[in-house]
PDB file of all heavy atoms in Angstrom:
ATOM      1  N   ARG A   1     -20.743 -64.170  60.967  1.00  0.00           N
ATOM      2  CA  ARG A   1     -20.045 -65.360  61.404  1.00  0.00           C
ATOM      3  C   ARG A   1     -20.104 -66.476  60.325  1.00  0.00           C
ATOM      4  O   ARG A   1     -21.123 -66.719  59.694  1.00  0.00           O
ATOM      5  CB  ARG A   1     -20.614 -65.892  62.723  1.00  0.00           C
ATOM      6  CG  ARG A   1     -20.297 -64.947  63.873  1.00  0.00           C
ATOM      7  CD  ARG A   1     -20.593 -65.562  65.255  1.00  0.00           C
ATOM      8  NE  ARG A   1     -20.293 -64.616  66.334  1.00  0.00           N
ATOM      9  CZ  ARG A   1     -19.081 -64.484  66.870  1.00  0.00           C
ATOM     10  NH1 ARG A   1     -18.078 -65.197  66.420  1.00  0.00           N
ATOM     11  NH2 ARG A   1     -18.890 -63.596  67.833  1.00  0.00           N
ATOM     12  N   ASN A   2     -18.978 -67.159  60.192  1.00  0.00           N
ATOM     13  CA  ASN A   2     -18.890 -68.361  59.362  1.00  0.00           C
ATOM     14  C   ASN A   2     -19.461 -69.547  60.194  1.00  0.00           C
ATOM     15  O   ASN A   2     -18.911 -69.949  61.191  1.00  0.00           O
ATOM     16  CB  ASN A   2     -17.479 -68.603  59.020  1.00  0.00           C
ATOM     17  CG  ASN A   2     -17.246 -69.808  58.029  1.00  0.00           C
ATOM     18  OD1 ASN A   2     -18.031 -70.745  58.093  1.00  0.00           O
ATOM     19  ND2 ASN A   2     -16.220 -69.750  57.221  1.00  0.00           N
ATOM     20  N   GLN A   3     -20.618 -70.044  59.736  1.00  0.00           N
ATOM     21  CA  GLN A   3     -21.340 -70.996  60.548  1.00  0.00           C
ATOM     22  C   GLN A   3     -21.036 -72.461  60.256  1.00  0.00           C
ATOM     23  O   GLN A   3     -21.779 -73.352  60.599  1.00  0.00           O
ATOM     24  CB  GLN A   3     -22.872 -70.768  60.297  1.00  0.00           C
ATOM     25  CG  GLN A   3     -23.380 -69.397  60.637  1.00  0.00           C
ATOM     26  CD  GLN A   3     -23.621 -69.197  62.181  1.00  0.00           C
ATOM     27  OE1 GLN A   3     -23.281 -70.080  62.951  1.00  0.00           O
ATOM     28  NE2 GLN A   3     -24.132 -68.050  62.564  1.00  0.00           N
ATOM     29  N   LYS A   4     -19.853 -72.710  59.673  1.00  0.00           N
ATOM     30  CA  LYS A   4     -19.453 -74.086  59.434  1.00  0.00           C
ATOM     31  C   LYS A   4     -19.135 -74.792  60.793  1.00  0.00           C
ATOM     32  O   LYS A   4     -18.376 -74.258  61.591  1.00  0.00           O
ATOM     33  CB  LYS A   4     -18.259 -74.152  58.557  1.00  0.00           C
ATOM     34  CG  LYS A   4     -18.540 -74.002  57.029  1.00  0.00           C
ATOM     35  CD  LYS A   4     -17.319 -74.300  56.186  1.00  0.00           C
ATOM     36  CE  LYS A   4     -17.684 -74.167  54.745  1.00  0.00           C
ATOM     37  NZ  LYS A   4     -16.524 -74.488  53.869  1.00  0.00           N
ATOM     38  N   GLN A   5     -19.679 -75.951  60.992  1.00  0.00           N
ATOM     39  CA  GLN A   5     -19.591 -76.640  62.232  1.00  0.00           C
ATOM     40  C   GLN A   5     -18.109 -76.975  62.571  1.00  0.00           C
ATOM     41  O   GLN A   5     -17.691 -76.973  63.751  1.00  0.00           O
ATOM     42  CB  GLN A   5     -20.423 -77.903  62.270  1.00  0.00           C
ATOM     43  CG  GLN A   5     -20.467 -78.662  63.573  1.00  0.00           C
ATOM     44  CD  GLN A   5     -21.056 -77.858  64.680  1.00  0.00           C
ATOM     45  OE1 GLN A   5     -21.901 -76.965  64.463  1.00  0.00           O
ATOM     46  NE2 GLN A   5     -20.657 -78.096  65.937  1.00  0.00           N
ATOM     47  N   LYS A   6     -17.315 -77.295  61.561  1.00  0.00           N
ATOM     48  CA  LYS A   6     -15.924 -77.719  61.784  1.00  0.00           C
ATOM     49  C   LYS A   6     -15.158 -76.640  62.493  1.00  0.00           C
ATOM     50  O   LYS A   6     -14.265 -76.939  63.221  1.00  0.00           O
ATOM     51  CB  LYS A   6     -15.270 -78.140  60.462  1.00  0.00           C
ATOM     52  CG  LYS A   6     -15.017 -77.040  59.485  1.00  0.00           C
ATOM     53  CD  LYS A   6     -14.278 -77.589  58.253  1.00  0.00           C
ATOM     54  CE  LYS A   6     -13.955 -76.476  57.246  1.00  0.00           C
ATOM     55  NZ  LYS A   6     -13.288 -77.038  56.069  1.00  0.00           N
ATOM     56  N   TYR A   7     -15.530 -75.359  62.250  1.00  0.00           N
ATOM     57  CA  TYR A   7     -14.754 -74.285  62.867  1.00  0.00           C
ATOM     58  C   TYR A   7     -15.157 -74.134  64.327  1.00  0.00           C
ATOM     59  O   TYR A   7     -14.382 -73.792  65.182  1.00  0.00           O
ATOM     60  CB  TYR A   7     -15.004 -72.962  62.079  1.00  0.00           C
ATOM     61  CG  TYR A   7     -14.395 -72.994  60.725  1.00  0.00           C
ATOM     62  CD1 TYR A   7     -15.092 -72.629  59.617  1.00  0.00           C
ATOM     63  CD2 TYR A   7     -13.057 -73.399  60.543  1.00  0.00           C
ATOM     64  CE1 TYR A   7     -14.590 -72.637  58.360  1.00  0.00           C
ATOM     65  CE2 TYR A   7     -12.506 -73.459  59.279  1.00  0.00           C
ATOM     66  CZ  TYR A   7     -13.279 -73.081  58.189  1.00  0.00           C
ATOM     67  OH  TYR A   7     -12.727 -73.132  56.935  1.00  0.00           O
ATOM     68  N   PHE A   8     -16.471 -74.429  64.583  1.00  0.00           N
ATOM     69  CA  PHE A   8     -16.877 -74.383  66.003  1.00  0.00           C
ATOM     70  C   PHE A   8     -16.134 -75.501  66.804  1.00  0.00           C
ATOM     71  O   PHE A   8     -15.738 -75.331  67.923  1.00  0.00           O
ATOM     72  CB  PHE A   8     -18.366 -74.576  66.102  1.00  0.00           C
ATOM     73  CG  PHE A   8     -18.903 -74.445  67.485  1.00  0.00           C
ATOM     74  CD1 PHE A   8     -19.106 -73.188  68.070  1.00  0.00           C
ATOM     75  CD2 PHE A   8     -19.132 -75.541  68.250  1.00  0.00           C
ATOM     76  CE1 PHE A   8     -19.599 -73.102  69.440  1.00  0.00           C
ATOM     77  CE2 PHE A   8     -19.594 -75.495  69.554  1.00  0.00           C
ATOM     78  CZ  PHE A   8     -19.800 -74.258  70.141  1.00  0.00           C
ATOM     79  N   GLU A   9     -16.027 -76.657  66.159  1.00  0.00           N
ATOM     80  CA  GLU A   9     -15.355 -77.814  66.798  1.00  0.00           C
ATOM     81  C   GLU A   9     -13.899 -77.490  67.023  1.00  0.00           C
ATOM     82  O   GLU A   9     -13.271 -77.911  68.016  1.00  0.00           O
ATOM     83  CB  GLU A   9     -15.527 -79.056  65.995  1.00  0.00           C
ATOM     84  CG  GLU A   9     -16.990 -79.563  65.942  1.00  0.00           C
ATOM     85  CD  GLU A   9     -17.153 -80.668  64.904  1.00  0.00           C
ATOM     86  OE1 GLU A   9     -16.165 -81.052  64.269  1.00  0.00           O
ATOM     87  OE2 GLU A   9     -18.329 -81.151  64.825  1.00  0.00           O
ATOM     88  N   LEU A  10     -13.305 -76.698  66.109  1.00  0.00           N
ATOM     89  CA  LEU A  10     -11.874 -76.439  66.231  1.00  0.00           C
ATOM     90  C   LEU A  10     -11.585 -75.266  67.156  1.00  0.00           C
ATOM     91  O   LEU A  10     -10.675 -75.303  67.980  1.00  0.00           O
ATOM     92  CB  LEU A  10     -11.323 -76.087  64.842  1.00  0.00           C
ATOM     93  CG  LEU A  10      -9.812 -75.932  64.665  1.00  0.00           C
ATOM     94  CD1 LEU A  10      -9.074 -77.173  65.078  1.00  0.00           C
ATOM     95  CD2 LEU A  10      -9.497 -75.533  63.211  1.00  0.00           C
ATOM     96  N   TYR A  11     -12.418 -74.192  67.120  1.00  0.00           N
ATOM     97  CA  TYR A  11     -12.142 -72.978  67.881  1.00  0.00           C
ATOM     98  C   TYR A  11     -13.137 -72.730  69.023  1.00  0.00           C
ATOM     99  O   TYR A  11     -12.976 -71.730  69.705  1.00  0.00           O
ATOM    100  CB  TYR A  11     -12.140 -71.784  66.871  1.00  0.00           C
ATOM    101  CG  TYR A  11     -11.180 -71.891  65.770  1.00  0.00           C
ATOM    102  CD1 TYR A  11     -11.724 -72.008  64.463  1.00  0.00           C
ATOM    103  CD2 TYR A  11      -9.813 -71.953  65.947  1.00  0.00           C
ATOM    104  CE1 TYR A  11     -10.788 -72.139  63.384  1.00  0.00           C
ATOM    105  CE2 TYR A  11      -8.946 -72.102  64.864  1.00  0.00           C
ATOM    106  CZ  TYR A  11      -9.451 -72.149  63.592  1.00  0.00           C
ATOM    107  OH  TYR A  11      -8.574 -72.306  62.544  1.00  0.00           O
ATOM    108  N   ARG A  12     -14.170 -73.558  69.110  1.00  0.00           N
ATOM    109  CA  ARG A  12     -15.220 -73.415  70.147  1.00  0.00           C
ATOM    110  C   ARG A  12     -16.050 -72.142  69.917  1.00  0.00           C
ATOM    111  O   ARG A  12     -16.704 -71.662  70.828  1.00  0.00           O
ATOM    112  CB  ARG A  12     -14.643 -73.442  71.566  1.00  0.00           C
ATOM    113  CG  ARG A  12     -13.825 -74.619  71.880  1.00  0.00           C
ATOM    114  CD  ARG A  12     -14.418 -75.953  71.398  1.00  0.00           C
ATOM    115  NE  ARG A  12     -15.744 -76.187  72.012  1.00  0.00           N
ATOM    116  CZ  ARG A  12     -16.568 -77.180  71.613  1.00  0.00           C
ATOM    117  NH1 ARG A  12     -16.202 -77.941  70.589  1.00  0.00           N
ATOM    118  NH2 ARG A  12     -17.717 -77.312  72.188  1.00  0.00           N
ATOM    119  N   GLU A  13     -16.000 -71.583  68.753  1.00  0.00           N
ATOM    120  CA  GLU A  13     -16.839 -70.511  68.333  1.00  0.00           C
ATOM    121  C   GLU A  13     -16.897 -70.417  66.793  1.00  0.00           C
ATOM    122  O   GLU A  13     -16.021 -70.965  66.147  1.00  0.00           O
ATOM    123  CB  GLU A  13     -16.397 -69.143  68.928  1.00  0.00           C
ATOM    124  CG  GLU A  13     -15.034 -68.675  68.415  1.00  0.00           C
ATOM    125  CD  GLU A  13     -14.685 -67.351  68.959  1.00  0.00           C
ATOM    126  OE1 GLU A  13     -15.478 -66.767  69.716  1.00  0.00           O
ATOM    127  OE2 GLU A  13     -13.584 -66.844  68.602  1.00  0.00           O
ATOM    128  N   TYR A  14     -17.866 -69.706  66.293  1.00  0.00           N
ATOM    129  CA  TYR A  14     -17.937 -69.533  64.818  1.00  0.00           C
ATOM    130  C   TYR A  14     -17.179 -68.213  64.551  1.00  0.00           C
ATOM    131  O   TYR A  14     -17.527 -67.195  65.037  1.00  0.00           O
ATOM    132  CB  TYR A  14     -19.408 -69.422  64.365  1.00  0.00           C
ATOM    133  CG  TYR A  14     -20.183 -70.657  64.572  1.00  0.00           C
ATOM    134  CD1 TYR A  14     -21.150 -70.780  65.587  1.00  0.00           C
ATOM    135  CD2 TYR A  14     -20.008 -71.795  63.764  1.00  0.00           C
ATOM    136  CE1 TYR A  14     -21.902 -71.967  65.774  1.00  0.00           C
ATOM    137  CE2 TYR A  14     -20.728 -72.938  63.952  1.00  0.00           C
ATOM    138  CZ  TYR A  14     -21.691 -73.033  64.987  1.00  0.00           C
ATOM    139  OH  TYR A  14     -22.404 -74.186  65.133  1.00  0.00           O
ATOM    140  N   PRO A  15     -16.110 -68.359  63.715  1.00  0.00           N
ATOM    141  CA  PRO A  15     -15.351 -67.128  63.436  1.00  0.00           C
ATOM    142  C   PRO A  15     -16.038 -66.057  62.678  1.00  0.00           C
ATOM    143  O   PRO A  15     -16.887 -66.387  61.827  1.00  0.00           O
ATOM    144  CB  PRO A  15     -14.130 -67.686  62.642  1.00  0.00           C
ATOM    145  CG  PRO A  15     -14.647 -68.931  62.018  1.00  0.00           C
ATOM    146  CD  PRO A  15     -15.639 -69.524  62.925  1.00  0.00           C
ATOM    147  N   ILE A  16     -15.760 -64.830  62.915  1.00  0.00           N
ATOM    148  CA  ILE A  16     -16.319 -63.727  62.162  1.00  0.00           C
ATOM    149  C   ILE A  16     -15.508 -63.538  60.878  1.00  0.00           C
ATOM    150  O   ILE A  16     -14.254 -63.509  60.911  1.00  0.00           O
ATOM    151  CB  ILE A  16     -16.279 -62.418  63.035  1.00  0.00           C
ATOM    152  CG1 ILE A  16     -17.221 -62.596  64.188  1.00  0.00           C
ATOM    153  CG2 ILE A  16     -16.679 -61.195  62.226  1.00  0.00           C
ATOM    154  CD1 ILE A  16     -17.255 -61.406  65.160  1.00  0.00           C
ATOM    155  N   VAL A  17     -16.176 -63.348  59.788  1.00  0.00           N
ATOM    156  CA  VAL A  17     -15.572 -63.076  58.494  1.00  0.00           C
ATOM    157  C   VAL A  17     -15.041 -61.633  58.516  1.00  0.00           C
ATOM    158  O   VAL A  17     -15.780 -60.718  58.829  1.00  0.00           O
ATOM    159  CB  VAL A  17     -16.577 -63.260  57.360  1.00  0.00           C
ATOM    160  CG1 VAL A  17     -15.888 -62.946  56.012  1.00  0.00           C
ATOM    161  CG2 VAL A  17     -17.140 -64.699  57.386  1.00  0.00           C
ATOM    162  N   LYS A  18     -13.751 -61.459  58.207  1.00  0.00           N
ATOM    163  CA  LYS A  18     -13.113 -60.145  58.394  1.00  0.00           C
ATOM    164  C   LYS A  18     -12.777 -59.546  57.042  1.00  0.00           C
ATOM    165  O   LYS A  18     -12.251 -60.183  56.121  1.00  0.00           O
ATOM    166  CB  LYS A  18     -11.822 -60.321  59.229  1.00  0.00           C
ATOM    167  CG  LYS A  18     -12.019 -60.885  60.584  1.00  0.00           C
ATOM    168  CD  LYS A  18     -10.732 -61.131  61.313  1.00  0.00           C
ATOM    169  CE  LYS A  18     -10.939 -61.702  62.686  1.00  0.00           C
ATOM    170  NZ  LYS A  18      -9.610 -62.023  63.317  1.00  0.00           N
ATOM    171  N   LEU A  19     -13.055 -58.233  56.914  1.00  0.00           N
ATOM    172  CA  LEU A  19     -12.662 -57.464  55.735  1.00  0.00           C
ATOM    173  C   LEU A  19     -11.329 -56.851  56.060  1.00  0.00           C
ATOM    174  O   LEU A  19     -11.191 -55.948  56.927  1.00  0.00           O
ATOM    175  CB  LEU A  19     -13.724 -56.351  55.474  1.00  0.00           C
ATOM    176  CG  LEU A  19     -13.453 -55.439  54.331  1.00  0.00           C
ATOM    177  CD1 LEU A  19     -13.301 -56.177  52.999  1.00  0.00           C
ATOM    178  CD2 LEU A  19     -14.502 -54.384  54.209  1.00  0.00           C
ATOM    179  N   TRP A  20     -10.268 -57.269  55.339  1.00  0.00           N
ATOM    180  CA  TRP A  20      -8.929 -56.808  55.657  1.00  0.00           C
ATOM    181  C   TRP A  20      -8.516 -55.598  54.765  1.00  0.00           C
ATOM    182  O   TRP A  20      -7.946 -54.637  55.254  1.00  0.00           O
ATOM    183  CB  TRP A  20      -7.907 -57.923  55.471  1.00  0.00           C
ATOM    184  CG  TRP A  20      -7.868 -58.904  56.583  1.00  0.00           C
ATOM    185  CD1 TRP A  20      -8.119 -60.236  56.540  1.00  0.00           C
ATOM    186  CD2 TRP A  20      -7.538 -58.627  57.963  1.00  0.00           C
ATOM    187  NE1 TRP A  20      -7.981 -60.802  57.741  1.00  0.00           N
ATOM    188  CE2 TRP A  20      -7.620 -59.872  58.655  1.00  0.00           C
ATOM    189  CE3 TRP A  20      -7.221 -57.445  58.645  1.00  0.00           C
ATOM    190  CZ2 TRP A  20      -7.406 -59.927  60.055  1.00  0.00           C
ATOM    191  CZ3 TRP A  20      -6.957 -57.535  60.030  1.00  0.00           C
ATOM    192  CH2 TRP A  20      -7.072 -58.761  60.711  1.00  0.00           C
ATOM    193  N   ARG A  21      -8.843 -55.700  53.482  1.00  0.00           N
ATOM    194  CA  ARG A  21      -8.491 -54.582  52.570  1.00  0.00           C
ATOM    195  C   ARG A  21      -9.553 -54.373  51.558  1.00  0.00           C
ATOM    196  O   ARG A  21     -10.188 -55.329  51.078  1.00  0.00           O
ATOM    197  CB  ARG A  21      -7.093 -54.875  51.888  1.00  0.00           C
ATOM    198  CG  ARG A  21      -5.913 -55.031  52.818  1.00  0.00           C
ATOM    199  CD  ARG A  21      -4.637 -55.215  51.994  1.00  0.00           C
ATOM    200  NE  ARG A  21      -3.485 -55.380  52.901  1.00  0.00           N
ATOM    201  CZ  ARG A  21      -3.059 -56.550  53.381  1.00  0.00           C
ATOM    202  NH1 ARG A  21      -3.729 -57.665  53.014  1.00  0.00           N
ATOM    203  NH2 ARG A  21      -2.046 -56.639  54.192  1.00  0.00           N
ATOM    204  N   TRP A  22      -9.730 -53.146  51.172  1.00  0.00           N
ATOM    205  CA  TRP A  22     -10.684 -52.799  50.144  1.00  0.00           C
ATOM    206  C   TRP A  22     -10.315 -51.552  49.409  1.00  0.00           C
ATOM    207  O   TRP A  22      -9.794 -50.609  50.040  1.00  0.00           O
ATOM    208  CB  TRP A  22     -12.090 -52.689  50.719  1.00  0.00           C
ATOM    209  CG  TRP A  22     -12.282 -51.516  51.626  1.00  0.00           C
ATOM    210  CD1 TRP A  22     -12.746 -50.316  51.332  1.00  0.00           C
ATOM    211  CD2 TRP A  22     -11.932 -51.478  53.031  1.00  0.00           C
ATOM    212  NE1 TRP A  22     -12.758 -49.482  52.436  1.00  0.00           N
ATOM    213  CE2 TRP A  22     -12.242 -50.156  53.511  1.00  0.00           C
ATOM    214  CE3 TRP A  22     -11.434 -52.441  53.945  1.00  0.00           C
ATOM    215  CZ2 TRP A  22     -12.076 -49.830  54.815  1.00  0.00           C
ATOM    216  CZ3 TRP A  22     -11.270 -52.059  55.237  1.00  0.00           C
ATOM    217  CH2 TRP A  22     -11.588 -50.728  55.683  1.00  0.00           C
ATOM    218  N   GLU A  23     -10.502 -51.476  48.129  1.00  0.00           N
ATOM    219  CA  GLU A  23     -10.245 -50.290  47.345  1.00  0.00           C
ATOM    220  C   GLU A  23     -10.877 -50.501  46.011  1.00  0.00           C
ATOM    221  O   GLU A  23     -10.689 -51.577  45.354  1.00  0.00           O
ATOM    222  CB  GLU A  23      -8.731 -50.091  47.140  1.00  0.00           C
ATOM    223  CG  GLU A  23      -8.380 -48.864  46.338  1.00  0.00           C
ATOM    224  CD  GLU A  23      -6.895 -48.708  46.104  1.00  0.00           C
ATOM    225  OE1 GLU A  23      -6.095 -49.395  46.784  1.00  0.00           O
ATOM    226  OE2 GLU A  23      -6.536 -47.814  45.265  1.00  0.00           O
ATOM    227  N   HIS A  24     -11.679 -49.514  45.550  1.00  0.00           N
ATOM    228  CA  HIS A  24     -12.243 -49.661  44.229  1.00  0.00           C
ATOM    229  C   HIS A  24     -11.200 -49.423  43.186  1.00  0.00           C
ATOM    230  O   HIS A  24     -10.741 -48.258  42.943  1.00  0.00           O
ATOM    231  CB  HIS A  24     -13.415 -48.663  44.024  1.00  0.00           C
ATOM    232  CG  HIS A  24     -14.039 -48.755  42.658  1.00  0.00           C
ATOM    233  ND1 HIS A  24     -14.703 -49.882  42.317  1.00  0.00           N
ATOM    234  CD2 HIS A  24     -14.099 -47.880  41.646  1.00  0.00           C
ATOM    235  CE1 HIS A  24     -15.148 -49.683  41.062  1.00  0.00           C
ATOM    236  NE2 HIS A  24     -14.822 -48.473  40.633  1.00  0.00           N
ATOM    237  N   ARG A  25     -10.759 -50.484  42.512  1.00  0.00           N
ATOM    238  CA  ARG A  25      -9.779 -50.413  41.482  1.00  0.00           C
ATOM    239  C   ARG A  25      -9.865 -51.646  40.572  1.00  0.00           C
ATOM    240  O   ARG A  25     -10.437 -52.657  40.963  1.00  0.00           O
ATOM    241  CB  ARG A  25      -8.355 -50.380  42.134  1.00  0.00           C
ATOM    242  CG  ARG A  25      -8.019 -51.611  42.940  1.00  0.00           C
ATOM    243  CD  ARG A  25      -6.649 -51.461  43.595  1.00  0.00           C
ATOM    244  NE  ARG A  25      -6.333 -52.631  44.392  1.00  0.00           N
ATOM    245  CZ  ARG A  25      -5.191 -52.736  45.043  1.00  0.00           C
ATOM    246  NH1 ARG A  25      -4.294 -51.817  45.055  1.00  0.00           N
ATOM    247  NH2 ARG A  25      -4.935 -53.835  45.781  1.00  0.00           N
ATOM    248  N   GLN A  26      -9.393 -51.514  39.376  1.00  0.00           N
ATOM    249  CA  GLN A  26      -9.394 -52.587  38.452  1.00  0.00           C
ATOM    250  C   GLN A  26      -8.084 -53.420  38.555  1.00  0.00           C
ATOM    251  O   GLN A  26      -7.040 -52.884  38.891  1.00  0.00           O
ATOM    252  CB  GLN A  26      -9.509 -52.068  36.998  1.00  0.00           C
ATOM    253  CG  GLN A  26     -10.883 -51.410  36.740  1.00  0.00           C
ATOM    254  CD  GLN A  26     -10.936 -50.877  35.317  1.00  0.00           C
ATOM    255  OE1 GLN A  26      -9.951 -50.626  34.652  1.00  0.00           O
ATOM    256  NE2 GLN A  26     -12.190 -50.658  34.843  1.00  0.00           N
ATOM    257  N   THR A  27      -8.231 -54.696  38.311  1.00  0.00           N
ATOM    258  CA  THR A  27      -7.068 -55.590  38.355  1.00  0.00           C
ATOM    259  C   THR A  27      -6.097 -55.302  37.179  1.00  0.00           C
ATOM    260  O   THR A  27      -6.516 -54.843  36.157  1.00  0.00           O
ATOM    261  CB  THR A  27      -7.477 -57.039  38.348  1.00  0.00           C
ATOM    262  OG1 THR A  27      -6.295 -57.898  38.379  1.00  0.00           O
ATOM    263  CG2 THR A  27      -8.275 -57.417  37.059  1.00  0.00           C
ATOM    264  N   THR A  28      -4.829 -55.627  37.441  1.00  0.00           N
ATOM    265  CA  THR A  28      -3.876 -55.532  36.381  1.00  0.00           C
ATOM    266  C   THR A  28      -3.847 -56.765  35.521  1.00  0.00           C
ATOM    267  O   THR A  28      -3.130 -56.826  34.491  1.00  0.00           O
ATOM    268  CB  THR A  28      -2.468 -55.347  36.965  1.00  0.00           C
ATOM    269  OG1 THR A  28      -2.172 -56.429  37.907  1.00  0.00           O
ATOM    270  CG2 THR A  28      -2.366 -54.022  37.711  1.00  0.00           C
ATOM    271  N   PHE A  29      -4.615 -57.811  35.892  1.00  0.00           N
ATOM    272  CA  PHE A  29      -4.671 -59.062  35.123  1.00  0.00           C
ATOM    273  C   PHE A  29      -5.354 -58.769  33.742  1.00  0.00           C
ATOM    274  O   PHE A  29      -6.440 -58.145  33.723  1.00  0.00           O
ATOM    275  CB  PHE A  29      -5.451 -60.118  35.834  1.00  0.00           C
ATOM    276  CG  PHE A  29      -5.710 -61.361  34.988  1.00  0.00           C
ATOM    277  CD1 PHE A  29      -4.714 -62.311  34.773  1.00  0.00           C
ATOM    278  CD2 PHE A  29      -6.940 -61.532  34.394  1.00  0.00           C
ATOM    279  CE1 PHE A  29      -4.974 -63.448  33.976  1.00  0.00           C
ATOM    280  CE2 PHE A  29      -7.227 -62.629  33.618  1.00  0.00           C
ATOM    281  CZ  PHE A  29      -6.253 -63.589  33.411  1.00  0.00           C
ATOM    282  N   LEU A  30      -4.767 -59.265  32.709  1.00  0.00           N
ATOM    283  CA  LEU A  30      -5.344 -59.181  31.392  1.00  0.00           C
ATOM    284  C   LEU A  30      -5.315 -60.507  30.723  1.00  0.00           C
ATOM    285  O   LEU A  30      -4.295 -61.161  30.666  1.00  0.00           O
ATOM    286  CB  LEU A  30      -4.569 -58.198  30.450  1.00  0.00           C
ATOM    287  CG  LEU A  30      -4.632 -56.687  30.877  1.00  0.00           C
ATOM    288  CD1 LEU A  30      -3.614 -55.900  30.006  1.00  0.00           C
ATOM    289  CD2 LEU A  30      -6.002 -56.117  30.728  1.00  0.00           C
ATOM    290  N   PRO A  31      -6.517 -60.984  30.226  1.00  0.00           N
ATOM    291  CA  PRO A  31      -6.482 -62.253  29.502  1.00  0.00           C
ATOM    292  C   PRO A  31      -5.738 -62.141  28.205  1.00  0.00           C
ATOM    293  O   PRO A  31      -5.469 -60.947  27.735  1.00  0.00           O
ATOM    294  CB  PRO A  31      -7.994 -62.522  29.251  1.00  0.00           C
ATOM    295  CG  PRO A  31      -8.652 -61.200  29.305  1.00  0.00           C
ATOM    296  CD  PRO A  31      -7.813 -60.406  30.319  1.00  0.00           C
ATOM    297  N   PRO A  32      -5.367 -63.257  27.583  1.00  0.00           N
ATOM    298  CA  PRO A  32      -4.632 -63.184  26.280  1.00  0.00           C
ATOM    299  C   PRO A  32      -5.427 -62.364  25.221  1.00  0.00           C
ATOM    300  O   PRO A  32      -6.598 -62.100  25.361  1.00  0.00           O
ATOM    301  CB  PRO A  32      -4.505 -64.664  25.839  1.00  0.00           C
ATOM    302  CG  PRO A  32      -4.623 -65.380  27.106  1.00  0.00           C
ATOM    303  CD  PRO A  32      -5.550 -64.625  28.016  1.00  0.00           C
ATOM    304  N   LEU A  33      -4.679 -61.884  24.242  1.00  0.00           N
ATOM    305  CA  LEU A  33      -5.242 -61.035  23.189  1.00  0.00           C
ATOM    306  C   LEU A  33      -6.544 -61.596  22.669  1.00  0.00           C
ATOM    307  O   LEU A  33      -6.618 -62.761  22.328  1.00  0.00           O
ATOM    308  CB  LEU A  33      -4.232 -60.904  22.032  1.00  0.00           C
ATOM    309  CG  LEU A  33      -4.576 -59.871  20.958  1.00  0.00           C
ATOM    310  CD1 LEU A  33      -4.608 -58.467  21.581  1.00  0.00           C
ATOM    311  CD2 LEU A  33      -3.532 -59.943  19.842  1.00  0.00           C
ATOM    312  N   GLY A  34      -7.548 -60.745  22.610  1.00  0.00           N
ATOM    313  CA  GLY A  34      -8.862 -61.210  22.132  1.00  0.00           C
ATOM    314  C   GLY A  34      -9.784 -61.586  23.304  1.00  0.00           C
ATOM    315  O   GLY A  34     -10.942 -61.897  23.070  1.00  0.00           O
ATOM    316  N   GLY A  35      -9.233 -61.637  24.449  1.00  0.00           N
ATOM    317  CA  GLY A  35     -10.087 -61.914  25.600  1.00  0.00           C
ATOM    318  C   GLY A  35     -10.464 -63.392  25.754  1.00  0.00           C
ATOM    319  O   GLY A  35     -11.380 -63.740  26.532  1.00  0.00           O
ATOM    320  N   VAL A  36      -9.780 -64.265  25.069  1.00  0.00           N
ATOM    321  CA  VAL A  36     -10.166 -65.718  25.117  1.00  0.00           C
ATOM    322  C   VAL A  36      -9.041 -66.402  25.892  1.00  0.00           C
ATOM    323  O   VAL A  36      -7.886 -66.299  25.521  1.00  0.00           O
ATOM    324  CB  VAL A  36     -10.310 -66.338  23.672  1.00  0.00           C
ATOM    325  CG1 VAL A  36     -10.654 -67.782  23.799  1.00  0.00           C
ATOM    326  CG2 VAL A  36     -11.426 -65.638  22.971  1.00  0.00           C
ATOM    327  N   VAL A  37      -9.433 -67.203  26.903  1.00  0.00           N
ATOM    328  CA  VAL A  37      -8.471 -67.995  27.574  1.00  0.00           C
ATOM    329  C   VAL A  37      -8.946 -69.451  27.470  1.00  0.00           C
ATOM    330  O   VAL A  37     -10.053 -69.806  27.365  1.00  0.00           O
ATOM    331  CB  VAL A  37      -8.403 -67.603  29.099  1.00  0.00           C
ATOM    332  CG1 VAL A  37      -7.824 -66.233  29.199  1.00  0.00           C
ATOM    333  CG2 VAL A  37      -9.737 -67.735  29.782  1.00  0.00           C
ATOM    334  N   GLN A  38      -7.962 -70.333  27.580  1.00  0.00           N
ATOM    335  CA  GLN A  38      -8.250 -71.747  27.533  1.00  0.00           C
ATOM    336  C   GLN A  38      -8.653 -72.265  28.951  1.00  0.00           C
ATOM    337  O   GLN A  38      -8.068 -71.866  29.928  1.00  0.00           O
ATOM    338  CB  GLN A  38      -6.996 -72.509  27.053  1.00  0.00           C
ATOM    339  CG  GLN A  38      -6.592 -72.145  25.655  1.00  0.00           C
ATOM    340  CD  GLN A  38      -7.632 -72.501  24.613  1.00  0.00           C
ATOM    341  OE1 GLN A  38      -8.292 -73.585  24.700  1.00  0.00           O
ATOM    342  NE2 GLN A  38      -7.801 -71.665  23.650  1.00  0.00           N
ATOM    343  N   SER A  39      -9.597 -73.118  29.016  1.00  0.00           N
ATOM    344  CA  SER A  39     -10.007 -73.748  30.255  1.00  0.00           C
ATOM    345  C   SER A  39      -8.806 -74.536  30.775  1.00  0.00           C
ATOM    346  O   SER A  39      -8.313 -75.372  30.022  1.00  0.00           O
ATOM    347  CB  SER A  39     -11.214 -74.628  30.118  1.00  0.00           C
ATOM    348  OG  SER A  39     -12.312 -73.820  29.718  1.00  0.00           O
ATOM    349  N   PRO A  40      -8.347 -74.308  32.035  1.00  0.00           N
ATOM    350  CA  PRO A  40      -7.200 -74.970  32.514  1.00  0.00           C
ATOM    351  C   PRO A  40      -7.483 -76.445  32.690  1.00  0.00           C
ATOM    352  O   PRO A  40      -8.553 -76.894  33.048  1.00  0.00           O
ATOM    353  CB  PRO A  40      -6.928 -74.300  33.820  1.00  0.00           C
ATOM    354  CG  PRO A  40      -8.223 -73.782  34.250  1.00  0.00           C
ATOM    355  CD  PRO A  40      -8.955 -73.416  33.003  1.00  0.00           C
TER     356      PRO A  40
END
């Protein structure tokens, strides 16, 4: 359960954290050449 008080006040219960999807795989995201990215 997510024990943040604001959710209890909103929903009258602490919501359960839900696992929707899972799969062991690598992302297709690749940083720029050389692996260096600029801090946004």
